[in-house]
C-alpha atoms as a PDB file:
ATOM      1  CA  MET A   1      12.235  22.437 -23.885  1.00  0.00           C
ATOM      2  CA  ASP A   2      13.987  19.105 -24.360  1.00  0.00           C
ATOM      3  CA  VAL A   3      11.490  16.688 -25.901  1.00  0.00           C
ATOM      4  CA  GLU A   4      13.370  13.617 -24.716  1.00  0.00           C
ATOM      5  CA  LYS A   5      13.358  14.860 -21.115  1.00  0.00           C
ATOM      6  CA  ARG A   6       9.619  15.561 -21.281  1.00  0.00           C
ATOM      7  CA  LEU A   7       8.919  12.091 -22.701  1.00  0.00           C
ATOM      8  CA  HIS A   8      11.099  10.513 -20.013  1.00  0.00           C
ATOM      9  CA  VAL A   9       9.278  12.351 -17.213  1.00  0.00           C
ATOM     10  CA  ALA A  10       5.881  11.468 -18.702  1.00  0.00           C
ATOM     11  CA  ALA A  11       6.863   7.791 -19.091  1.00  0.00           C
ATOM     12  CA  ASP A  12       8.086   7.619 -15.494  1.00  0.00           C
ATOM     13  CA  SER A  13       4.841   9.150 -14.308  1.00  0.00           C
ATOM     14  CA  LEU A  14       2.736   6.666 -16.277  1.00  0.00           C
ATOM     15  CA  LYS A  15       4.827   3.783 -14.974  1.00  0.00           C
ATOM     16  CA  ARG A  16       4.226   4.890 -11.358  1.00  0.00           C
ATOM     17  CA  GLU A  17       0.506   5.254 -11.974  1.00  0.00           C
ATOM     18  CA  ALA A  18       0.207   1.869 -13.678  1.00  0.00           C
ATOM     19  CA  THR A  19       2.032   0.008 -10.945  1.00  0.00           C
ATOM     20  CA  ALA A  20       0.052   1.761  -8.210  1.00  0.00           C
ATOM     21  CA  PHE A  21      -3.366   0.788  -9.594  1.00  0.00           C
ATOM     22  CA  ASP A  22      -5.549  -0.948  -6.997  1.00  0.00           C
ATOM     23  CA  GLU A  23      -8.262  -2.843  -8.874  1.00  0.00           C
ATOM     24  CA  LYS A  24     -10.290  -3.817  -5.799  1.00  0.00           C
ATOM     25  CA  LEU A  25     -10.381  -0.245  -4.500  1.00  0.00           C
ATOM     26  CA  PHE A  26     -11.338   1.023  -7.953  1.00  0.00           C
ATOM     27  CA  MET A  27     -14.177  -1.489  -8.267  1.00  0.00           C
ATOM     28  CA  ALA A  28     -15.412  -0.715  -4.754  1.00  0.00           C
ATOM     29  CA  LYS A  29     -15.580   2.995  -5.634  1.00  0.00           C
ATOM     30  CA  ILE A  30     -17.401   2.286  -8.906  1.00  0.00           C
ATOM     31  CA  PHE A  31     -19.929  -0.033  -7.255  1.00  0.00           C
ATOM     32  CA  GLY A  32     -20.444   2.501  -4.468  1.00  0.00           C
ATOM     33  CA  ALA A  33     -21.039   5.293  -6.982  1.00  0.00           C
ATOM     34  CA  LEU A  34     -23.577   3.104  -8.776  1.00  0.00           C
ATOM     35  CA  ASP A  35     -25.231   2.029  -5.509  1.00  0.00           C
ATOM     36  CA  ILE A  36     -24.486  -1.621  -6.218  1.00  0.00           C
ATOM     37  CA  VAL A  37     -24.057  -3.857  -3.187  1.00  0.00           C
ATOM     38  CA  THR A  38     -21.328  -6.469  -3.527  1.00  0.00           C
ATOM     39  CA  SER A  39     -21.457  -9.831  -1.869  1.00  0.00           C
ATOM     40  CA  GLY A  40     -19.092 -10.531   1.038  1.00  0.00           C
ATOM     41  CA  GLY A  41     -16.200 -12.963   1.218  1.00  0.00           C
ATOM     42  CA  GLY A  42     -13.832 -11.112  -1.084  1.00  0.00           C
ATOM     43  CA  ASP A  43     -16.079 -11.427  -4.122  1.00  0.00           C
ATOM     44  CA  THR A  44     -15.971  -8.086  -5.908  1.00  0.00           C
ATOM     45  CA  GLY A  45     -18.561  -8.991  -8.522  1.00  0.00           C
ATOM     46  CA  PRO A  46     -21.827  -7.089  -8.391  1.00  0.00           C
ATOM     47  CA  ARG A  47     -24.948  -8.770  -7.063  1.00  0.00           C
ATOM     48  CA  VAL A  48     -27.458  -7.578  -9.610  1.00  0.00           C
ATOM     49  CA  ASP A  49     -30.343  -8.814  -7.475  1.00  0.00           C
ATOM     50  CA  ARG A  50     -29.333  -6.260  -4.835  1.00  0.00           C
ATOM     51  CA  VAL A  51     -29.165  -3.112  -6.936  1.00  0.00           C
ATOM     52  CA  THR A  52     -30.491  -0.306  -4.750  1.00  0.00           C
ATOM     53  CA  ALA A  53     -30.916   2.291  -7.483  1.00  0.00           C
ATOM     54  CA  VAL A  54     -32.185   1.710 -10.990  1.00  0.00           C
ATOM     55  CA  HIS A  55     -31.625   3.995 -13.941  1.00  0.00           C
ATOM     56  CA  PRO A  56     -34.924   5.392 -15.207  1.00  0.00           C
ATOM     57  CA  GLY A  57     -36.136   4.306 -18.616  1.00  0.00           C
ATOM     58  CA  PRO A  58     -35.895   6.388 -21.761  1.00  0.00           C
ATOM     59  CA  GLY A  59     -36.986   9.949 -21.179  1.00  0.00           C
ATOM     60  CA  GLY A  60     -36.153   9.778 -17.470  1.00  0.00           C
ATOM     61  CA  PRO A  61     -34.529  12.604 -15.567  1.00  0.00           C
ATOM     62  CA  GLN A  62     -30.988  11.382 -16.213  1.00  0.00           C
ATOM     63  CA  GLU A  63     -31.306  11.660 -19.962  1.00  0.00           C
ATOM     64  CA  ASP A  64     -29.776  14.874 -21.236  1.00  0.00           C
ATOM     65  CA  ALA A  65     -27.442  16.198 -23.916  1.00  0.00           C
ATOM     66  CA  GLN A  66     -24.451  14.516 -22.237  1.00  0.00           C
ATOM     67  CA  SER A  67     -25.957  11.088 -22.816  1.00  0.00           C
ATOM     68  CA  GLU A  68     -25.285  11.594 -26.518  1.00  0.00           C
ATOM     69  CA  ALA A  69     -21.604  12.323 -25.898  1.00  0.00           C
ATOM     70  CA  PRO A  70     -19.035   9.647 -26.760  1.00  0.00           C
ATOM     71  CA  PRO A  71     -18.453   7.203 -23.878  1.00  0.00           C
ATOM     72  CA  ASP A  72     -14.805   8.242 -23.519  1.00  0.00           C
ATOM     73  CA  LEU A  73     -15.760  11.868 -22.930  1.00  0.00           C
ATOM     74  CA  LEU A  74     -18.299  10.826 -20.317  1.00  0.00           C
ATOM     75  CA  ARG A  75     -15.662   8.692 -18.610  1.00  0.00           C
ATOM     76  CA  PHE A  76     -13.158  11.571 -18.679  1.00  0.00           C
ATOM     77  CA  ARG A  77     -15.776  13.985 -17.299  1.00  0.00           C
ATOM     78  CA  ALA A  78     -16.600  11.527 -14.491  1.00  0.00           C
ATOM     79  CA  GLU A  79     -12.899  11.097 -13.665  1.00  0.00           C
ATOM     80  CA  LEU A  80     -12.456  14.885 -13.639  1.00  0.00           C
ATOM     81  CA  ASN A  81     -15.407  15.389 -11.284  1.00  0.00           C
ATOM     82  CA  SER A  82     -14.122  12.651  -8.981  1.00  0.00           C
ATOM     83  CA  LEU A  83     -10.627  14.146  -8.824  1.00  0.00           C
ATOM     84  CA  LYS A  84     -11.916  17.675  -8.243  1.00  0.00           C
ATOM     85  CA  THR A  85     -14.095  16.407  -5.393  1.00  0.00           C
ATOM     86  CA  TYR A  86     -11.177  14.483  -3.904  1.00  0.00           C
ATOM     87  CA  VAL A  87      -8.856  17.491  -4.037  1.00  0.00           C
ATOM     88  CA  SER A  88     -11.485  19.937  -2.751  1.00  0.00           C
ATOM     89  CA  GLU A  89     -12.276  17.667   0.224  1.00  0.00           C
ATOM     90  CA  GLY A  90      -8.625  17.651   1.254  1.00  0.00           C
ATOM     91  CA  GLY A  91      -7.951  14.050   0.248  1.00  0.00           C
ATOM     92  CA  ASP A  92      -4.706  15.187  -1.318  1.00  0.00           C
ATOM     93  CA  ASN A  93      -3.336  16.116   2.111  1.00  0.00           C
ATOM     94  CA  GLN A  94      -3.843  12.608   3.460  1.00  0.00           C
ATOM     95  CA  GLU A  95      -1.648  10.755   0.991  1.00  0.00           C
ATOM     96  CA  GLY A  96       1.551  12.769   1.010  1.00  0.00           C
ATOM     97  CA  GLY A  97       3.066  13.106  -2.457  1.00  0.00           C
ATOM     98  CA  ASP A  98      -0.141  12.254  -4.292  1.00  0.00           C
ATOM     99  CA  ASN A  99      -1.291  15.842  -4.695  1.00  0.00           C
ATOM    100  CA  PRO A 100       0.895  16.973  -7.652  1.00  0.00           C
ATOM    101  CA  ARG A 101      -0.032  13.898  -9.671  1.00  0.00           C
ATOM    102  CA  LYS A 102      -3.746  14.405  -9.071  1.00  0.00           C
ATOM    103  CA  LEU A 103      -3.532  18.107  -9.887  1.00  0.00           C
ATOM    104  CA  ARG A 104      -1.667  17.280 -13.101  1.00  0.00           C
ATOM    105  CA  ARG A 105      -4.339  14.741 -14.063  1.00  0.00           C
ATOM    106  CA  ILE A 106      -7.024  17.370 -13.461  1.00  0.00           C
ATOM    107  CA  ALA A 107      -5.071  19.759 -15.703  1.00  0.00           C
ATOM    108  CA  GLU A 108      -4.810  17.109 -18.430  1.00  0.00           C
ATOM    109  CA  LEU A 109      -8.531  16.371 -18.311  1.00  0.00           C
ATOM    110  CA  VAL A 110      -9.558  20.041 -18.223  1.00  0.00           C
ATOM    111  CA  GLU A 111      -7.299  20.700 -21.214  1.00  0.00           C
ATOM    112  CA  LEU A 112      -8.821  17.794 -23.106  1.00  0.00           C
ATOM    113  CA  LEU A 113     -12.421  18.701 -22.292  1.00  0.00           C
ATOM    114  CA  ASP A 114     -12.394  22.492 -21.962  1.00  0.00           C
ATOM    115  CA  GLY A 115      -9.260  23.750 -23.667  1.00  0.00           C
ATOM    116  CA  GLU A 116      -5.789  24.967 -22.831  1.00  0.00           C
ATOM    117  CA  GLN A 117      -6.774  28.292 -21.237  1.00  0.00           C
ATOM    118  CA  ALA A 118      -9.194  26.609 -18.818  1.00  0.00           C
ATOM    119  CA  ALA A 119      -6.457  24.147 -17.845  1.00  0.00           C
ATOM    120  CA  LEU A 120      -3.706  26.704 -17.196  1.00  0.00           C
ATOM    121  CA  PRO A 121      -4.636  27.355 -13.515  1.00  0.00           C
ATOM    122  CA  TRP A 122      -4.581  23.594 -12.834  1.00  0.00           C
ATOM    123  CA  TRP A 123      -1.219  23.223 -14.562  1.00  0.00           C
ATOM    124  CA  GLN A 124       0.100  26.088 -12.415  1.00  0.00           C
ATOM    125  CA  ARG A 125      -1.188  24.482  -9.203  1.00  0.00           C
ATOM    126  CA  ALA A 126       0.457  21.161 -10.116  1.00  0.00           C
ATOM    127  CA  ALA A 127       3.696  22.991 -10.959  1.00  0.00           C
ATOM    128  CA  GLU A 128       3.603  24.820  -7.611  1.00  0.00           C
ATOM    129  CA  GLU A 129       3.304  21.415  -5.919  1.00  0.00           C
ATOM    130  CA  GLY A 130       6.468  20.263  -7.726  1.00  0.00           C
ATOM    131  CA  ASP A 131       5.193  18.092 -10.593  1.00  0.00           C
ATOM    132  CA  GLU A 132       8.007  18.057 -13.191  1.00  0.00           C
ATOM    133  CA  LEU A 133       5.765  17.586 -16.212  1.00  0.00           C
ATOM    134  CA  ALA A 134       3.488  20.397 -15.028  1.00  0.00           C
ATOM    135  CA  ILE A 135       6.488  22.708 -14.593  1.00  0.00           C
ATOM    136  CA  MET A 136       7.591  22.018 -18.169  1.00  0.00           C
ATOM    137  CA  THR A 137       4.045  22.445 -19.467  1.00  0.00           C
ATOM    138  CA  VAL A 138       3.580  25.800 -17.716  1.00  0.00           C
ATOM    139  CA  GLU A 139       6.919  26.977 -19.117  1.00  0.00           C
ATOM    140  CA  ASP A 140       5.809  25.974 -22.629  1.00  0.00           C
ATOM    141  CA  MET A 141       2.360  27.542 -22.244  1.00  0.00           C
ATOM    142  CA  THR A 142       3.704  30.840 -20.933  1.00  0.00           C
ATOM    143  CA  ALA A 143       6.420  30.925 -23.614  1.00  0.00           C
ATOM    144  CA  ALA A 144       3.793  30.390 -26.316  1.00  0.00           C
ATOM    145  CA  THR A 145       1.767  33.386 -25.124  1.00  0.00           C
ATOM    146  CA  LYS A 146       4.766  35.765 -25.199  1.00  0.00           C
END
């Protein structure tokens, strides 16, 4: 596999993702997930006085072994759960060419969190949808097992 081609495809993909980032939509989703009501008039800042759900204190039901995990891993796990929900609810069919990119991101996160073997089915799904990086990754993974 040509390393330069793989890096070029990965860089193009990152460039598309970075330029397509919608900060207001992202913040609206985060506030919605946290049950935080935002004020009207285009202000996307949270109104702390209107928080509808409060995290329980120490020892509450949300405290578990995951709370001791590094923040990055928790963020990656949350992103993975969000993407899996989105894909399973058919959201990928509504946005046209978005599906391969989302499937590839799921594969990347599963590989990071759960290992290469757990990620292989997601890489294969992304490759079947036409994602170039996923196609190269599946080729490399299957070649390594032979």
